[in-house]
Amino acid sequence: MDIKYTHLNIVAKDWRKLAKFYIDVFNCKPKPPERELSGDWLDRVTGIDSAHITGMHLLLPGFEREGPTLEIFQYRESIKNAHRNINKEGFSHIAFAVDDVERCLAKLKENGGTTVGEVVIGHVENVGTIQVVYGRDPEGNIIEIQRWS
């Protein structure tokens, strides 16, 4: 059996605004077409009656056209999620390797993001030295910004 990672999905309050954030801050690229999904098949796969989804896929930086994507979707009706914490069980965060952590963090904040903690330098035995910070996108999803040396 061949297996290939394809995408990570974020359910957004405003998919266009959130997609713009990832494009502007992390150089993600739109991968057309925009999606508008509904119908019996979608109701059956989601378990939601009359499901309606709009959104798009973004190519992640460092990957070619067929690389994994960040899928940002908005449901016509969504359920608000409690404030996300870095140590909450389940999916926690998405991470980006950058060449300048401080500059990327400033860009994140200029585009409506916030910080979780502070920029730190740590040493991971047998791996290397990492400069790292956790932030949040405008909808509260956690992002790790890292640089290894």
Protein backbone atom coordinates (compact mmCIF):
# COMPACT_ATOMS: atom_id res chain seq x y z
CA MET A 1 0.00 0.00 0.00
CA ASP A 2 1.45 3.37 -1.02
CA ILE A 3 0.75 6.25 1.37
CA LYS A 4 1.29 9.96 0.77
CA TYR A 5 0.57 12.89 3.09
CA THR A 6 -1.76 15.36 1.31
CA HIS A 7 -3.03 18.19 3.50
CA LEU A 8 -3.83 19.72 6.86
CA ASN A 9 -7.26 21.35 7.21
CA ILE A 10 -8.17 24.42 9.23
CA VAL A 11 -11.87 25.24 9.63
CA ALA A 12 -12.00 29.03 9.54
CA LYS A 13 -14.45 31.70 10.61
CA ASP A 14 -13.47 33.70 7.50
CA TRP A 15 -11.55 31.51 5.05
CA ARG A 16 -10.48 34.37 2.75
CA LYS A 17 -9.01 36.42 5.59
CA LEU A 18 -7.22 33.41 7.09
CA ALA A 19 -5.85 32.30 3.70
CA LYS A 20 -4.50 35.83 3.13
CA PHE A 21 -2.71 35.65 6.50
CA TYR A 22 -0.88 32.42 5.53
CA ILE A 23 -0.07 33.82 2.08
CA ASP A 24 1.26 37.11 3.47
CA VAL A 25 3.16 35.77 6.49
CA PHE A 26 4.40 32.33 5.40
CA ASN A 27 4.55 32.66 1.60
CA CYS A 28 1.95 29.97 1.01
CA LYS A 29 0.65 30.01 -2.57
CA PRO A 30 -2.97 29.53 -3.69
CA LYS A 31 -3.60 26.22 -5.43
CA PRO A 32 -6.71 26.76 -7.56
CA PRO A 33 -9.53 26.18 -7.87
CA GLU A 34 -11.39 27.73 -4.95
CA ARG A 35 -13.80 25.17 -3.54
CA GLU A 36 -17.55 25.37 -3.05
CA LEU A 37 -18.75 21.99 -1.90
CA SER A 38 -22.21 20.64 -1.13
CA GLY A 39 -24.41 17.71 -1.95
CA ASP A 40 -25.35 14.26 -0.77
CA TRP A 41 -21.76 12.97 -0.86
CA LEU A 42 -20.58 15.81 1.41
CA ASP A 43 -23.49 15.28 3.83
CA ARG A 44 -22.61 11.59 4.02
CA VAL A 45 -18.85 12.03 4.52
CA THR A 46 -19.19 14.83 7.13
CA GLY A 47 -22.28 13.48 8.88
CA ILE A 48 -23.81 16.99 8.58
CA ASP A 49 -27.19 17.54 6.91
CA SER A 50 -27.03 20.15 4.11
CA ALA A 51 -23.29 20.72 4.62
CA HIS A 52 -21.85 23.60 2.60
CA ILE A 53 -18.12 24.34 2.48
CA THR A 54 -16.16 27.12 0.76
CA GLY A 55 -12.41 27.60 0.75
CA MET A 56 -9.14 26.79 -0.93
CA HIS A 57 -5.88 24.89 -0.72
CA LEU A 58 -2.57 26.68 -0.21
CA LEU A 59 0.73 25.19 -1.31
CA LEU A 60 3.11 25.08 1.63
CA PRO A 61 6.46 26.85 1.23
CA GLY A 62 9.31 24.62 0.10
CA PHE A 63 7.09 22.23 -1.88
CA GLU A 64 6.25 21.95 -5.55
CA ARG A 65 2.81 21.99 -7.16
CA GLU A 66 1.99 18.47 -6.00
CA GLY A 67 3.28 18.92 -2.46
CA PRO A 68 1.14 18.89 0.68
CA THR A 69 -1.26 21.76 1.17
CA LEU A 70 -2.88 23.77 3.91
CA GLU A 71 -6.62 23.43 3.29
CA ILE A 72 -8.58 26.38 4.65
CA PHE A 73 -12.31 25.73 4.63
CA GLN A 74 -15.31 27.53 6.02
CA TYR A 75 -18.57 25.74 6.78
CA ARG A 76 -21.81 27.66 6.34
CA GLU A 77 -22.55 26.57 9.90
CA SER A 78 -19.61 25.91 12.20
CA ILE A 79 -19.16 25.18 15.88
CA LYS A 80 -16.99 27.59 17.86
CA ASN A 81 -13.91 25.99 19.36
CA ALA A 82 -12.74 26.77 22.88
CA HIS A 83 -9.48 28.67 23.20
CA ARG A 84 -6.66 26.45 21.96
CA ASN A 85 -3.74 25.72 24.25
CA ILE A 86 -0.34 24.38 23.27
CA ASN A 87 -0.73 21.42 25.65
CA LYS A 88 -4.33 20.50 24.74
CA GLU A 89 -4.73 16.91 23.57
CA GLY A 90 -5.21 16.37 19.84
CA PHE A 91 -3.74 18.34 16.96
CA SER A 92 -1.73 21.17 18.44
CA HIS A 93 0.03 23.32 15.86
CA ILE A 94 1.56 23.76 12.42
CA ALA A 95 5.27 24.57 12.16
CA PHE A 96 7.29 26.62 9.68
CA ALA A 97 11.09 26.67 9.40
CA VAL A 98 12.29 30.20 8.61
CA ASP A 99 15.64 31.93 8.20
CA ASP A 100 14.75 34.80 10.60
CA VAL A 101 12.47 33.95 13.53
CA GLU A 102 12.22 37.52 14.87
CA ARG A 103 11.36 38.97 11.44
CA CYS A 104 8.73 36.30 10.80
CA LEU A 105 7.20 36.87 14.25
CA ALA A 106 7.01 40.61 13.54
CA LYS A 107 5.27 39.86 10.22
CA LEU A 108 2.86 37.50 11.99
CA LYS A 109 1.92 40.26 14.48
CA GLU A 110 1.63 42.91 11.73
CA ASN A 111 -0.93 40.65 10.03
CA GLY A 112 -3.17 40.11 13.05
CA GLY A 113 -1.39 37.23 14.77
CA THR A 114 -0.34 37.09 18.42
CA THR A 115 2.32 35.32 20.47
CA VAL A 116 1.89 32.41 22.86
CA GLY A 117 5.25 32.60 24.61
CA GLU A 118 8.56 34.25 23.87
CA VAL A 119 11.38 33.64 21.40
CA VAL A 120 13.88 31.24 22.96
CA ILE A 121 17.01 29.35 22.02
CA GLY A 122 17.22 25.75 23.16
CA HIS A 123 19.50 22.80 22.62
CA VAL A 124 18.10 19.39 21.73
CA GLU A 125 20.69 16.70 22.39
CA ASN A 126 21.77 14.83 19.25
CA VAL A 127 19.67 17.17 17.09
CA GLY A 128 20.99 20.73 17.35
CA THR A 129 20.15 24.22 18.51
CA ILE A 130 16.73 25.69 17.84
CA GLN A 131 15.47 29.25 17.97
CA VAL A 132 11.71 28.97 18.36
CA VAL A 133 8.51 30.77 19.26
CA TYR A 134 4.84 29.83 19.26
CA GLY A 135 2.29 32.26 17.85
CA ARG A 136 -1.36 32.29 16.88
CA ASP A 137 -2.98 33.17 13.57
CA PRO A 138 -5.87 35.70 13.67
CA GLU A 139 -8.33 32.88 14.48
CA GLY A 140 -6.28 31.47 17.36
CA ASN A 141 -4.66 28.46 15.64
CA ILE A 142 -1.16 27.81 17.01
CA ILE A 143 1.89 28.18 14.75
CA GLU A 144 5.47 27.25 15.59
CA ILE A 145 8.16 29.42 13.98
CA GLN A 146 11.57 27.75 14.13
CA ARG A 147 15.17 27.96 12.94
CA TRP A 148 17.61 25.11 13.51
CA SER A 149 21.38 25.42 13.58
